[in-house]
């Protein structure tokens, strides 16, 4: 499982011309599910995500978590995080998880995040999405199980 976390001042995801999810200050998280990922992997990464201290405190040190700053989450599924480009110029996605299982884990992650963060928005699994963001920093973190 892979999470690409971007600290944002705002972010949104659009599907077929409609806004599916939008947040102000918080994290935009792209979520990739691999072939062998489980709920245990999801639990581990969600715990790390929620506790990640990458917002500045009153002294400018990155010391505050999402909860500390009353931040929001925008969670977007992205199987292309499992692109393998070792051979040739066309990516292979054989390491990405089965779509049915990946969607179940994606929805599980959303449910678990909602237990700790009041505002959790999401994209649409499997849809063509247009994602807009203002990366605050820029600040991007990669978490893998």
N, C-alpha and C. Protein backbone atom coordinates (compact mmCIF):
# COMPACT_ATOMS: atom_id res chain seq x y z
N UNK A 1 0.85 -1.17 0.00
CA UNK A 1 0.00 0.00 0.00
C UNK A 1 0.89 1.23 0.00
N UNK A 2 0.46 2.23 -0.74
CA UNK A 2 1.23 3.47 -0.83
C UNK A 2 0.30 4.66 -0.62
N UNK A 3 0.76 5.61 0.19
CA UNK A 3 0.08 6.89 0.38
C UNK A 3 1.06 7.97 -0.07
N UNK A 4 0.64 8.81 -0.98
CA UNK A 4 1.39 10.02 -1.31
C UNK A 4 0.60 11.16 -0.67
N UNK A 5 1.22 11.79 0.33
CA UNK A 5 0.56 12.81 1.14
C UNK A 5 1.10 14.18 0.77
N UNK A 6 0.20 15.07 0.40
CA UNK A 6 0.61 16.43 0.10
C UNK A 6 -0.10 17.37 1.08
N UNK A 7 0.71 18.17 1.77
CA UNK A 7 0.14 19.19 2.66
C UNK A 7 -0.38 20.30 1.76
N UNK A 8 -1.65 20.63 1.90
CA UNK A 8 -2.26 21.59 0.99
C UNK A 8 -2.96 22.72 1.74
N UNK A 9 -3.06 23.86 1.07
CA UNK A 9 -3.89 24.94 1.60
C UNK A 9 -5.30 24.83 1.03
N UNK A 10 -5.42 24.09 -0.11
CA UNK A 10 -6.73 23.75 -0.67
C UNK A 10 -6.52 22.66 -1.71
N UNK A 11 -7.55 21.84 -1.91
CA UNK A 11 -7.51 20.80 -2.93
C UNK A 11 -8.93 20.38 -3.26
N UNK A 12 -9.11 19.92 -4.49
CA UNK A 12 -10.43 19.43 -4.90
C UNK A 12 -10.26 18.36 -5.96
N UNK A 13 -11.30 17.56 -6.10
CA UNK A 13 -11.32 16.54 -7.15
C UNK A 13 -12.66 16.66 -7.87
N UNK A 14 -12.57 16.64 -9.19
CA UNK A 14 -13.74 16.82 -10.05
C UNK A 14 -13.93 15.58 -10.91
N UNK A 15 -15.18 15.14 -11.04
CA UNK A 15 -15.54 14.01 -11.88
C UNK A 15 -16.71 14.44 -12.76
N UNK A 16 -16.54 14.31 -14.06
CA UNK A 16 -17.59 14.69 -15.02
C UNK A 16 -18.12 16.10 -14.79
N UNK A 17 -17.22 17.02 -14.49
CA UNK A 17 -17.61 18.42 -14.31
C UNK A 17 -18.17 18.77 -12.96
N UNK A 18 -18.34 17.80 -12.07
CA UNK A 18 -18.87 18.05 -10.73
C UNK A 18 -17.79 17.84 -9.68
N UNK A 19 -17.78 18.67 -8.65
CA UNK A 19 -16.84 18.53 -7.55
C UNK A 19 -17.27 17.34 -6.70
N UNK A 20 -16.40 16.32 -6.63
CA UNK A 20 -16.68 15.14 -5.81
C UNK A 20 -16.24 15.36 -4.37
N UNK A 21 -15.17 16.13 -4.18
CA UNK A 21 -14.65 16.40 -2.86
C UNK A 21 -13.76 17.62 -2.89
N UNK A 22 -13.75 18.38 -1.81
CA UNK A 22 -12.91 19.58 -1.73
C UNK A 22 -12.59 19.87 -0.27
N UNK A 23 -11.38 20.34 -0.04
CA UNK A 23 -10.96 20.71 1.32
C UNK A 23 -10.18 22.01 1.27
N UNK A 24 -10.06 22.62 2.42
CA UNK A 24 -9.12 23.72 2.60
C UNK A 24 -7.87 23.12 3.24
N UNK A 25 -7.33 23.70 4.26
CA UNK A 25 -6.10 23.25 4.90
C UNK A 25 -6.17 21.78 5.31
N UNK A 26 -5.15 21.03 4.90
CA UNK A 26 -5.11 19.62 5.27
C UNK A 26 -4.20 18.82 4.40
N UNK A 27 -4.57 17.56 4.17
CA UNK A 27 -3.77 16.64 3.35
C UNK A 27 -4.60 16.15 2.16
N UNK A 28 -4.00 16.21 1.00
CA UNK A 28 -4.48 15.48 -0.16
C UNK A 28 -3.68 14.20 -0.18
N UNK A 29 -4.38 13.06 -0.16
CA UNK A 29 -3.69 11.77 -0.09
C UNK A 29 -4.08 10.91 -1.28
N UNK A 30 -3.08 10.57 -2.10
CA UNK A 30 -3.28 9.62 -3.19
C UNK A 30 -3.00 8.24 -2.62
N UNK A 31 -3.92 7.30 -2.84
CA UNK A 31 -3.84 5.98 -2.23
C UNK A 31 -3.72 4.92 -3.31
N UNK A 32 -2.64 4.14 -3.24
CA UNK A 32 -2.46 3.02 -4.14
C UNK A 32 -2.50 1.72 -3.36
N UNK A 33 -3.27 0.76 -3.86
CA UNK A 33 -3.39 -0.55 -3.20
C UNK A 33 -2.70 -1.59 -4.06
N UNK A 34 -1.80 -2.35 -3.44
CA UNK A 34 -1.06 -3.40 -4.13
C UNK A 34 -1.74 -4.75 -4.01
N UNK A 35 -1.19 -5.72 -4.71
CA UNK A 35 -1.77 -7.06 -4.79
C UNK A 35 -1.95 -7.75 -3.44
N UNK A 36 -1.03 -7.57 -2.53
CA UNK A 36 -1.06 -8.32 -1.28
C UNK A 36 -1.46 -7.47 -0.07
N UNK A 37 -2.01 -6.29 -0.30
CA UNK A 37 -2.34 -5.40 0.80
C UNK A 37 -3.58 -5.87 1.55
N UNK A 38 -3.59 -5.56 2.86
CA UNK A 38 -4.66 -6.00 3.75
C UNK A 38 -5.14 -4.84 4.62
N UNK A 39 -6.17 -5.10 5.40
CA UNK A 39 -6.64 -4.09 6.35
C UNK A 39 -5.56 -3.76 7.38
N UNK A 40 -4.72 -4.71 7.71
CA UNK A 40 -3.62 -4.44 8.65
C UNK A 40 -2.67 -3.40 8.06
N UNK A 41 -2.39 -3.51 6.77
CA UNK A 41 -1.55 -2.50 6.11
C UNK A 41 -2.24 -1.14 6.15
N UNK A 42 -3.54 -1.13 5.87
CA UNK A 42 -4.31 0.11 5.89
C UNK A 42 -4.29 0.73 7.29
N UNK A 43 -4.51 -0.09 8.32
CA UNK A 43 -4.51 0.41 9.69
C UNK A 43 -3.18 1.07 10.04
N UNK A 44 -2.09 0.44 9.64
CA UNK A 44 -0.76 0.97 9.93
C UNK A 44 -0.56 2.34 9.27
N UNK A 45 -0.94 2.44 8.01
CA UNK A 45 -0.73 3.71 7.29
C UNK A 45 -1.70 4.79 7.76
N UNK A 46 -2.93 4.42 8.07
CA UNK A 46 -3.89 5.42 8.57
C UNK A 46 -3.39 5.99 9.90
N UNK A 47 -2.91 5.13 10.78
CA UNK A 47 -2.39 5.60 12.07
C UNK A 47 -1.23 6.58 11.86
N UNK A 48 -0.34 6.25 10.96
CA UNK A 48 0.79 7.12 10.66
C UNK A 48 0.31 8.44 10.05
N UNK A 49 -0.62 8.35 9.11
CA UNK A 49 -1.17 9.53 8.44
C UNK A 49 -1.80 10.49 9.45
N UNK A 50 -2.65 9.97 10.31
CA UNK A 50 -3.35 10.81 11.29
C UNK A 50 -2.38 11.45 12.27
N UNK A 51 -1.32 10.76 12.62
CA UNK A 51 -0.36 11.28 13.59
C UNK A 51 0.77 12.10 13.00
N UNK A 52 0.87 12.13 11.68
CA UNK A 52 1.97 12.82 11.01
C UNK A 52 2.00 14.30 11.39
N UNK A 53 3.15 14.74 11.91
CA UNK A 53 3.29 16.12 12.37
C UNK A 53 4.09 16.91 11.34
N UNK A 54 3.38 17.50 10.39
CA UNK A 54 4.09 18.26 9.34
C UNK A 54 3.52 19.66 9.12
N UNK A 55 2.78 20.16 10.11
CA UNK A 55 2.32 21.55 10.06
C UNK A 55 3.18 22.37 11.03
N UNK A 56 3.44 23.62 10.67
CA UNK A 56 4.29 24.45 11.55
C UNK A 56 3.56 24.89 12.81
N UNK A 57 4.32 24.95 13.91
CA UNK A 57 3.78 25.47 15.15
C UNK A 57 4.01 26.98 15.20
N UNK A 58 3.77 27.59 16.35
CA UNK A 58 3.90 29.05 16.48
C UNK A 58 5.34 29.54 16.28
N UNK A 59 6.33 28.61 16.38
CA UNK A 59 7.73 28.96 16.16
C UNK A 59 8.22 28.59 14.77
N UNK A 60 7.31 28.13 13.93
CA UNK A 60 7.68 27.76 12.57
C UNK A 60 8.27 26.36 12.43
N UNK A 61 8.33 25.60 13.51
CA UNK A 61 8.84 24.21 13.44
C UNK A 61 7.72 23.28 13.00
N UNK A 62 8.04 22.32 12.14
CA UNK A 62 7.01 21.36 11.73
C UNK A 62 6.80 20.40 12.89
N UNK A 63 5.72 20.66 13.62
CA UNK A 63 5.51 19.98 14.88
C UNK A 63 4.04 19.65 15.16
N UNK A 64 3.13 20.05 14.26
CA UNK A 64 1.71 19.88 14.54
C UNK A 64 1.08 18.87 13.58
N UNK A 65 0.11 18.13 14.10
CA UNK A 65 -0.59 17.12 13.29
C UNK A 65 -1.84 17.73 12.65
N UNK A 66 -2.48 16.92 11.84
CA UNK A 66 -3.72 17.31 11.18
C UNK A 66 -4.77 17.72 12.21
N UNK A 67 -4.89 16.94 13.27
CA UNK A 67 -5.86 17.26 14.32
C UNK A 67 -5.52 18.56 15.03
N UNK A 68 -4.22 18.79 15.24
CA UNK A 68 -3.79 20.01 15.94
C UNK A 68 -4.18 21.27 15.20
N UNK A 69 -4.24 21.20 13.88
CA UNK A 69 -4.56 22.39 13.08
C UNK A 69 -5.99 22.36 12.54
N UNK A 70 -6.78 21.39 13.01
CA UNK A 70 -8.17 21.25 12.56
C UNK A 70 -8.23 21.08 11.04
N UNK A 71 -7.30 20.28 10.52
CA UNK A 71 -7.21 20.07 9.08
C UNK A 71 -8.16 19.00 8.58
N UNK A 72 -8.27 18.94 7.26
CA UNK A 72 -9.18 18.01 6.59
C UNK A 72 -8.37 17.05 5.72
N UNK A 73 -9.05 16.01 5.25
CA UNK A 73 -8.44 15.03 4.35
C UNK A 73 -9.23 14.96 3.06
N UNK A 74 -8.51 14.85 1.94
CA UNK A 74 -9.09 14.52 0.65
C UNK A 74 -8.38 13.26 0.18
N UNK A 75 -9.10 12.15 0.12
CA UNK A 75 -8.53 10.84 -0.20
C UNK A 75 -8.91 10.45 -1.62
N UNK A 76 -7.88 10.16 -2.44
CA UNK A 76 -8.09 9.87 -3.86
C UNK A 76 -7.40 8.56 -4.21
N UNK A 77 -8.15 7.63 -4.78
CA UNK A 77 -7.55 6.35 -5.20
C UNK A 77 -6.71 6.58 -6.45
N UNK A 78 -5.55 5.91 -6.51
CA UNK A 78 -4.66 6.08 -7.66
C UNK A 78 -3.82 4.83 -7.87
N UNK A 79 -4.34 3.91 -8.70
CA UNK A 79 -3.64 2.66 -8.95
C UNK A 79 -2.31 2.88 -9.66
N UNK A 80 -2.14 4.03 -10.33
CA UNK A 80 -0.89 4.28 -11.06
C UNK A 80 0.31 4.44 -10.14
N UNK A 81 0.09 4.51 -8.83
CA UNK A 81 1.23 4.52 -7.90
C UNK A 81 2.00 3.21 -7.97
N UNK A 82 1.37 2.19 -8.54
CA UNK A 82 2.03 0.90 -8.71
C UNK A 82 2.57 0.69 -10.13
N UNK A 83 2.76 1.77 -10.86
CA UNK A 83 3.35 1.66 -12.19
C UNK A 83 4.79 1.16 -12.09
N UNK A 84 5.13 0.19 -12.93
CA UNK A 84 6.49 -0.32 -13.01
C UNK A 84 7.04 0.09 -14.37
N UNK A 85 8.08 0.90 -14.36
CA UNK A 85 8.65 1.44 -15.59
C UNK A 85 10.06 0.92 -15.85
N UNK A 86 10.40 -0.21 -15.25
CA UNK A 86 11.75 -0.76 -15.39
C UNK A 86 12.04 -1.16 -16.83
N UNK A 87 11.11 -1.83 -17.46
CA UNK A 87 11.31 -2.28 -18.84
C UNK A 87 10.50 -1.42 -19.80
N UNK A 88 11.16 -0.92 -20.82
CA UNK A 88 10.47 -0.16 -21.86
C UNK A 88 9.95 1.18 -21.38
N UNK A 89 9.09 1.76 -22.19
CA UNK A 89 8.56 3.08 -21.91
C UNK A 89 7.07 3.08 -21.55
N UNK A 90 6.45 1.93 -21.62
CA UNK A 90 5.04 1.82 -21.26
C UNK A 90 4.96 1.18 -19.88
N UNK A 91 4.35 1.88 -18.92
CA UNK A 91 4.28 1.33 -17.56
C UNK A 91 3.45 0.05 -17.51
N UNK A 92 3.87 -0.83 -16.61
CA UNK A 92 3.11 -2.04 -16.30
C UNK A 92 2.44 -1.83 -14.96
N UNK A 93 1.19 -2.29 -14.85
CA UNK A 93 0.44 -2.11 -13.61
C UNK A 93 0.10 -3.44 -12.95
N UNK A 94 0.87 -4.48 -13.24
CA UNK A 94 0.57 -5.81 -12.71
C UNK A 94 0.71 -5.89 -11.19
N UNK A 95 1.43 -4.95 -10.59
CA UNK A 95 1.60 -4.96 -9.14
C UNK A 95 0.43 -4.29 -8.40
N UNK A 96 -0.43 -3.59 -9.14
CA UNK A 96 -1.60 -2.95 -8.53
C UNK A 96 -2.59 -4.02 -8.09
N UNK A 97 -3.32 -3.72 -7.04
CA UNK A 97 -4.29 -4.68 -6.51
C UNK A 97 -5.50 -4.86 -7.40
N UNK A 98 -6.15 -6.00 -7.24
CA UNK A 98 -7.41 -6.27 -7.93
C UNK A 98 -8.39 -5.14 -7.61
N UNK A 99 -9.05 -4.58 -8.63
CA UNK A 99 -9.92 -3.42 -8.40
C UNK A 99 -10.99 -3.63 -7.33
N UNK A 100 -11.59 -4.80 -7.26
CA UNK A 100 -12.63 -5.05 -6.25
C UNK A 100 -12.05 -4.97 -4.84
N UNK A 101 -10.93 -5.62 -4.63
CA UNK A 101 -10.28 -5.59 -3.31
C UNK A 101 -9.75 -4.20 -3.01
N UNK A 102 -9.17 -3.55 -4.02
CA UNK A 102 -8.63 -2.20 -3.84
C UNK A 102 -9.74 -1.23 -3.43
N UNK A 103 -10.90 -1.33 -4.06
CA UNK A 103 -12.01 -0.44 -3.70
C UNK A 103 -12.47 -0.69 -2.27
N UNK A 104 -12.54 -1.96 -1.88
CA UNK A 104 -12.93 -2.29 -0.50
C UNK A 104 -11.95 -1.68 0.50
N UNK A 105 -10.65 -1.79 0.21
CA UNK A 105 -9.64 -1.22 1.12
C UNK A 105 -9.69 0.31 1.12
N UNK A 106 -9.91 0.90 -0.04
CA UNK A 106 -10.04 2.36 -0.14
C UNK A 106 -11.21 2.84 0.73
N UNK A 107 -12.35 2.19 0.62
CA UNK A 107 -13.51 2.58 1.43
C UNK A 107 -13.26 2.33 2.92
N UNK A 108 -12.53 1.27 3.22
CA UNK A 108 -12.16 0.99 4.61
C UNK A 108 -11.28 2.12 5.17
N UNK A 109 -10.32 2.57 4.37
CA UNK A 109 -9.43 3.67 4.79
C UNK A 109 -10.25 4.93 5.06
N UNK A 110 -11.19 5.23 4.20
CA UNK A 110 -12.05 6.41 4.40
C UNK A 110 -12.80 6.29 5.72
N UNK A 111 -13.39 5.14 5.96
CA UNK A 111 -14.14 4.91 7.21
C UNK A 111 -13.25 5.08 8.43
N UNK A 112 -12.04 4.53 8.37
CA UNK A 112 -11.12 4.63 9.51
C UNK A 112 -10.67 6.07 9.74
N UNK A 113 -10.42 6.81 8.68
CA UNK A 113 -10.01 8.21 8.82
C UNK A 113 -11.12 9.05 9.44
N UNK A 114 -12.36 8.76 9.09
CA UNK A 114 -13.50 9.51 9.62
C UNK A 114 -13.65 9.34 11.13
N UNK A 115 -13.06 8.30 11.69
CA UNK A 115 -13.12 8.09 13.13
C UNK A 115 -12.26 9.10 13.89
N UNK A 116 -11.27 9.69 13.21
CA UNK A 116 -10.34 10.61 13.86
C UNK A 116 -10.39 12.04 13.33
N UNK A 117 -10.81 12.20 12.09
CA UNK A 117 -10.78 13.52 11.44
C UNK A 117 -12.21 13.91 11.06
N UNK A 118 -12.68 15.07 11.54
CA UNK A 118 -14.07 15.46 11.27
C UNK A 118 -14.42 15.65 9.79
N UNK A 119 -13.50 16.19 9.00
CA UNK A 119 -13.82 16.42 7.58
C UNK A 119 -12.94 15.53 6.71
N UNK A 120 -13.57 14.54 6.11
CA UNK A 120 -12.89 13.63 5.18
C UNK A 120 -13.69 13.63 3.87
N UNK A 121 -13.05 14.07 2.82
CA UNK A 121 -13.65 14.08 1.48
C UNK A 121 -12.96 13.01 0.65
N UNK A 122 -13.54 12.68 -0.51
CA UNK A 122 -12.95 11.62 -1.33
C UNK A 122 -13.23 11.85 -2.80
N UNK A 123 -12.43 11.13 -3.60
CA UNK A 123 -12.67 11.07 -5.03
C UNK A 123 -13.64 9.94 -5.32
N UNK A 124 -13.72 9.54 -6.59
CA UNK A 124 -14.59 8.46 -7.01
C UNK A 124 -13.72 7.33 -7.52
N UNK A 125 -13.77 6.19 -6.85
CA UNK A 125 -12.92 5.07 -7.20
C UNK A 125 -13.13 4.67 -8.66
N UNK A 126 -12.03 4.54 -9.39
CA UNK A 126 -12.05 4.08 -10.77
C UNK A 126 -12.46 5.11 -11.81
N UNK A 127 -12.84 6.30 -11.36
CA UNK A 127 -13.28 7.33 -12.30
C UNK A 127 -12.09 8.12 -12.84
N UNK A 128 -12.30 8.76 -13.97
CA UNK A 128 -11.33 9.73 -14.46
C UNK A 128 -11.57 11.00 -13.66
N UNK A 129 -10.56 11.43 -12.95
CA UNK A 129 -10.71 12.58 -12.05
C UNK A 129 -9.73 13.68 -12.43
N UNK A 130 -10.16 14.90 -12.24
CA UNK A 130 -9.28 16.06 -12.34
C UNK A 130 -9.04 16.56 -10.93
N UNK A 131 -7.77 16.55 -10.52
CA UNK A 131 -7.41 16.93 -9.16
C UNK A 131 -6.69 18.27 -9.21
N UNK A 132 -7.16 19.20 -8.40
CA UNK A 132 -6.53 20.51 -8.27
C UNK A 132 -6.04 20.68 -6.85
N UNK A 133 -4.88 21.30 -6.70
CA UNK A 133 -4.35 21.50 -5.36
C UNK A 133 -3.41 22.68 -5.30
N UNK A 134 -3.29 23.21 -4.12
CA UNK A 134 -2.26 24.20 -3.83
C UNK A 134 -1.40 23.57 -2.74
N UNK A 135 -0.24 23.02 -3.16
CA UNK A 135 0.66 22.34 -2.24
C UNK A 135 1.28 23.39 -1.34
N UNK A 136 1.12 23.23 -0.05
CA UNK A 136 1.62 24.17 0.95
C UNK A 136 3.03 23.76 1.36
N UNK A 137 4.00 24.46 0.83
CA UNK A 137 5.39 24.15 1.16
C UNK A 137 6.34 24.42 0.02
N UNK A 138 6.39 23.58 -0.97
CA UNK A 138 5.67 22.32 -1.12
C UNK A 138 6.13 21.29 -0.10
N UNK A 139 5.19 20.44 0.27
CA UNK A 139 5.47 19.41 1.27
C UNK A 139 4.77 18.13 0.84
N UNK A 140 5.56 17.11 0.50
CA UNK A 140 5.03 15.83 0.04
C UNK A 140 5.76 14.70 0.75
N UNK A 141 4.99 13.75 1.26
CA UNK A 141 5.53 12.61 2.00
C UNK A 141 5.02 11.33 1.34
N UNK A 142 5.87 10.32 1.25
CA UNK A 142 5.47 9.01 0.74
C UNK A 142 5.49 8.02 1.90
N UNK A 143 4.35 7.34 2.12
CA UNK A 143 4.28 6.27 3.12
C UNK A 143 4.00 4.98 2.38
N UNK A 144 4.70 3.90 2.76
CA UNK A 144 4.48 2.59 2.16
C UNK A 144 4.40 1.54 3.25
N UNK A 145 3.55 0.54 3.02
CA UNK A 145 3.47 -0.57 3.98
C UNK A 145 4.46 -1.62 3.60
